[in-house]
Amino acid sequence: QVQLVESGGGLVQAGGSLRLSCAASGPFFSRYTMGWYRQAPGKQRELVARITSLGGTNYPDSVKGRFTISRDNAKNTVTLQMNNLKPEDTAVYYCNALLGESYWGQGTLVTVSS
């Protein structure tokens, strides 16, 4: 079983940057596809960024060119660098680990003011 703990959320002005981190505990971290999702009030949870065990990444158009996901398998961490933040990026951001089963962190709130 994997346990995930997110950190790095907070309040930032539009155009600013934040860096989210997810620390994972449990075996075989390098084998997991890791992802960041977000959920805004009244909306469904959506994928923000994903990185496979081989380092391949994908992003939705809404964040492409602004967000970057990376992983450090030696430290069991995955990071989301968010630049040029917009008010519509405001949401609770969740870390996800997928290898057959899916695991979620508790979420961290990102608020972008206009």
C-alpha atoms as a PDB file:
ATOM      1  CA  GLN A   1       0.000   0.000   0.000  1.00  0.00           C
ATOM      2  CA  VAL A   2       1.137   3.523  -0.805  1.00  0.00           C
ATOM      3  CA  GLN A   3       0.613   6.570   1.375  1.00  0.00           C
ATOM      4  CA  LEU A   4       0.832   9.995  -0.230  1.00  0.00           C
ATOM      5  CA  VAL A   5       1.326  13.353   1.464  1.00  0.00           C
ATOM      6  CA  GLU A   6       1.058  16.581  -0.520  1.00  0.00           C
ATOM      7  CA  SER A   7       2.570  19.915   0.418  1.00  0.00           C
ATOM      8  CA  GLY A   8       3.208  23.307  -1.130  1.00  0.00           C
ATOM      9  CA  GLY A   9      -0.248  24.717  -1.648  1.00  0.00           C
ATOM     10  CA  GLY A  10      -1.194  28.237  -0.699  1.00  0.00           C
ATOM     11  CA  LEU A  11      -2.351  31.621  -1.899  1.00  0.00           C
ATOM     12  CA  VAL A  12      -0.693  33.261  -4.874  1.00  0.00           C
ATOM     13  CA  GLN A  13      -1.525  36.134  -7.196  1.00  0.00           C
ATOM     14  CA  ALA A  14      -2.340  35.529 -10.825  1.00  0.00           C
ATOM     15  CA  GLY A  15       0.843  35.175 -12.839  1.00  0.00           C
ATOM     16  CA  GLY A  16       2.719  33.729  -9.901  1.00  0.00           C
ATOM     17  CA  SER A  17       4.177  30.299  -9.309  1.00  0.00           C
ATOM     18  CA  LEU A  18       3.816  27.479  -6.830  1.00  0.00           C
ATOM     19  CA  ARG A  19       5.569  24.167  -6.424  1.00  0.00           C
ATOM     20  CA  LEU A  20       3.649  21.206  -5.095  1.00  0.00           C
ATOM     21  CA  SER A  21       5.351  18.135  -3.706  1.00  0.00           C
ATOM     22  CA  CYS A  22       4.067  14.661  -3.001  1.00  0.00           C
ATOM     23  CA  ALA A  23       5.968  12.325  -0.724  1.00  0.00           C
ATOM     24  CA  ALA A  24       5.192   8.649  -1.130  1.00  0.00           C
ATOM     25  CA  SER A  25       5.787   5.841   1.313  1.00  0.00           C
ATOM     26  CA  GLY A  26       5.658   2.187   0.428  1.00  0.00           C
ATOM     27  CA  PRO A  27       7.522  -0.121  -1.909  1.00  0.00           C
ATOM     28  CA  PHE A  28       8.013  -0.008  -5.647  1.00  0.00           C
ATOM     29  CA  PHE A  29       7.496   3.744  -6.052  1.00  0.00           C
ATOM     30  CA  SER A  30       9.422   3.768  -9.307  1.00  0.00           C
ATOM     31  CA  ARG A  31       6.886   1.419 -10.862  1.00  0.00           C
ATOM     32  CA  TYR A  32       3.912   3.687 -10.250  1.00  0.00           C
ATOM     33  CA  THR A  33       2.388   6.092 -12.690  1.00  0.00           C
ATOM     34  CA  MET A  34       2.125   9.285 -10.668  1.00  0.00           C
ATOM     35  CA  GLY A  35      -0.368  12.009 -11.292  1.00  0.00           C
ATOM     36  CA  TRP A  36      -1.671  15.310 -10.060  1.00  0.00           C
ATOM     37  CA  TYR A  37      -5.382  15.978 -10.183  1.00  0.00           C
ATOM     38  CA  ARG A  38      -7.438  18.929  -9.044  1.00  0.00           C
ATOM     39  CA  GLN A  39     -10.977  19.553  -7.991  1.00  0.00           C
ATOM     40  CA  ALA A  40     -12.560  22.978  -7.914  1.00  0.00           C
ATOM     41  CA  PRO A  41     -15.770  23.655  -5.972  1.00  0.00           C
ATOM     42  CA  GLY A  42     -18.754  22.239  -7.784  1.00  0.00           C
ATOM     43  CA  LYS A  43     -16.617  20.554 -10.436  1.00  0.00           C
ATOM     44  CA  GLN A  44     -15.366  17.061 -11.098  1.00  0.00           C
ATOM     45  CA  ARG A  45     -11.844  16.017 -10.305  1.00  0.00           C
ATOM     46  CA  GLU A  46      -9.637  16.396 -13.372  1.00  0.00           C
ATOM     47  CA  LEU A  47      -6.189  15.320 -14.411  1.00  0.00           C
ATOM     48  CA  VAL A  48      -3.553  18.047 -14.316  1.00  0.00           C
ATOM     49  CA  ALA A  49      -0.391  16.127 -15.076  1.00  0.00           C
ATOM     50  CA  ARG A  50       0.827  12.544 -15.247  1.00  0.00           C
ATOM     51  CA  ILE A  51       4.242  10.922 -15.331  1.00  0.00           C
ATOM     52  CA  THR A  52       4.784   7.253 -16.066  1.00  0.00           C
ATOM     53  CA  SER A  53       7.366   4.924 -14.568  1.00  0.00           C
ATOM     54  CA  LEU A  54       9.502   5.564 -17.652  1.00  0.00           C
ATOM     55  CA  GLY A  55       9.249   9.332 -17.315  1.00  0.00           C
ATOM     56  CA  GLY A  56       6.718  10.005 -20.029  1.00  0.00           C
ATOM     57  CA  THR A  57       4.441  12.925 -19.264  1.00  0.00           C
ATOM     58  CA  ASN A  58       1.126  14.252 -20.414  1.00  0.00           C
ATOM     59  CA  TYR A  59      -0.893  17.348 -19.638  1.00  0.00           C
ATOM     60  CA  PRO A  60      -4.304  18.663 -20.597  1.00  0.00           C
ATOM     61  CA  ASP A  61      -4.341  21.723 -22.846  1.00  0.00           C
ATOM     62  CA  SER A  62      -5.483  23.895 -19.947  1.00  0.00           C
ATOM     63  CA  VAL A  63      -2.082  23.637 -18.218  1.00  0.00           C
ATOM     64  CA  LYS A  64       0.268  22.644 -21.037  1.00  0.00           C
ATOM     65  CA  GLY A  65       3.267  24.958 -21.157  1.00  0.00           C
ATOM     66  CA  ARG A  66       2.601  26.271 -17.639  1.00  0.00           C
ATOM     67  CA  PHE A  67       2.813  23.149 -15.444  1.00  0.00           C
ATOM     68  CA  THR A  68       5.639  20.623 -15.255  1.00  0.00           C
ATOM     69  CA  ILE A  69       5.578  17.307 -13.453  1.00  0.00           C
ATOM     70  CA  SER A  70       8.730  15.506 -12.393  1.00  0.00           C
ATOM     71  CA  ARG A  71       9.681  12.602 -10.164  1.00  0.00           C
ATOM     72  CA  ASP A  72      12.644  11.596  -8.057  1.00  0.00           C
ATOM     73  CA  ASN A  73      12.572   7.848  -7.587  1.00  0.00           C
ATOM     74  CA  ALA A  74      15.490   7.972  -5.156  1.00  0.00           C
ATOM     75  CA  LYS A  75      13.482  10.219  -2.834  1.00  0.00           C
ATOM     76  CA  ASN A  76      10.026   8.782  -3.575  1.00  0.00           C
ATOM     77  CA  THR A  77       8.694  12.195  -4.511  1.00  0.00           C
ATOM     78  CA  VAL A  78       6.788  13.742  -7.365  1.00  0.00           C
ATOM     79  CA  THR A  79       6.673  17.477  -7.932  1.00  0.00           C
ATOM     80  CA  LEU A  80       4.365  19.791  -9.825  1.00  0.00           C
ATOM     81  CA  GLN A  81       5.846  23.126 -10.818  1.00  0.00           C
ATOM     82  CA  MET A  82       3.059  25.560 -11.661  1.00  0.00           C
ATOM     83  CA  ASN A  83       3.900  28.810 -13.428  1.00  0.00           C
ATOM     84  CA  ASN A  84       1.787  31.663 -14.734  1.00  0.00           C
ATOM     85  CA  LEU A  85      -1.062  30.657 -12.477  1.00  0.00           C
ATOM     86  CA  LYS A  86      -4.568  31.799 -13.287  1.00  0.00           C
ATOM     87  CA  PRO A  87      -7.614  32.230 -11.058  1.00  0.00           C
ATOM     88  CA  GLU A  88      -9.181  29.225 -12.778  1.00  0.00           C
ATOM     89  CA  ASP A  89      -6.344  27.082 -11.405  1.00  0.00           C
ATOM     90  CA  THR A  90      -7.848  27.509  -7.948  1.00  0.00           C
ATOM     91  CA  ALA A  91      -8.661  24.051  -6.598  1.00  0.00           C
ATOM     92  CA  VAL A  92      -7.660  21.336  -4.206  1.00  0.00           C
ATOM     93  CA  TYR A  93      -4.778  19.454  -5.777  1.00  0.00           C
ATOM     94  CA  TYR A  94      -4.403  15.743  -5.184  1.00  0.00           C
ATOM     95  CA  CYS A  95      -1.495  13.407  -5.719  1.00  0.00           C
ATOM     96  CA  ASN A  96      -2.281   9.996  -7.211  1.00  0.00           C
ATOM     97  CA  ALA A  97      -0.316   6.776  -7.510  1.00  0.00           C
ATOM     98  CA  LEU A  98      -1.461   4.100  -9.943  1.00  0.00           C
ATOM     99  CA  LEU A  99      -0.205   0.553 -10.315  1.00  0.00           C
ATOM    100  CA  GLY A 100      -3.231  -1.634 -10.655  1.00  0.00           C
ATOM    101  CA  GLU A 101      -4.710  -0.012  -7.602  1.00  0.00           C
ATOM    102  CA  SER A 102      -5.099   3.726  -7.228  1.00  0.00           C
ATOM    103  CA  TYR A 103      -4.019   5.703  -4.165  1.00  0.00           C
ATOM    104  CA  TRP A 104      -4.770   9.312  -3.253  1.00  0.00           C
ATOM    105  CA  GLY A 105      -3.307  11.891  -0.972  1.00  0.00           C
ATOM    106  CA  GLN A 106      -5.391  14.167   1.225  1.00  0.00           C
ATOM    107  CA  GLY A 107      -5.049  17.157  -1.084  1.00  0.00           C
ATOM    108  CA  THR A 108      -3.558  20.610  -0.804  1.00  0.00           C
ATOM    109  CA  LEU A 109      -5.421  23.828  -1.545  1.00  0.00           C
ATOM    110  CA  VAL A 110      -4.180  26.223  -4.201  1.00  0.00           C
ATOM    111  CA  THR A 111      -5.851  29.619  -4.383  1.00  0.00           C
ATOM    112  CA  VAL A 112      -5.002  32.048  -7.165  1.00  0.00           C
ATOM    113  CA  SER A 113      -6.242  35.585  -6.688  1.00  0.00           C
ATOM    114  CA  SER A 114      -6.911  37.933  -9.580  1.00  0.00           C
END
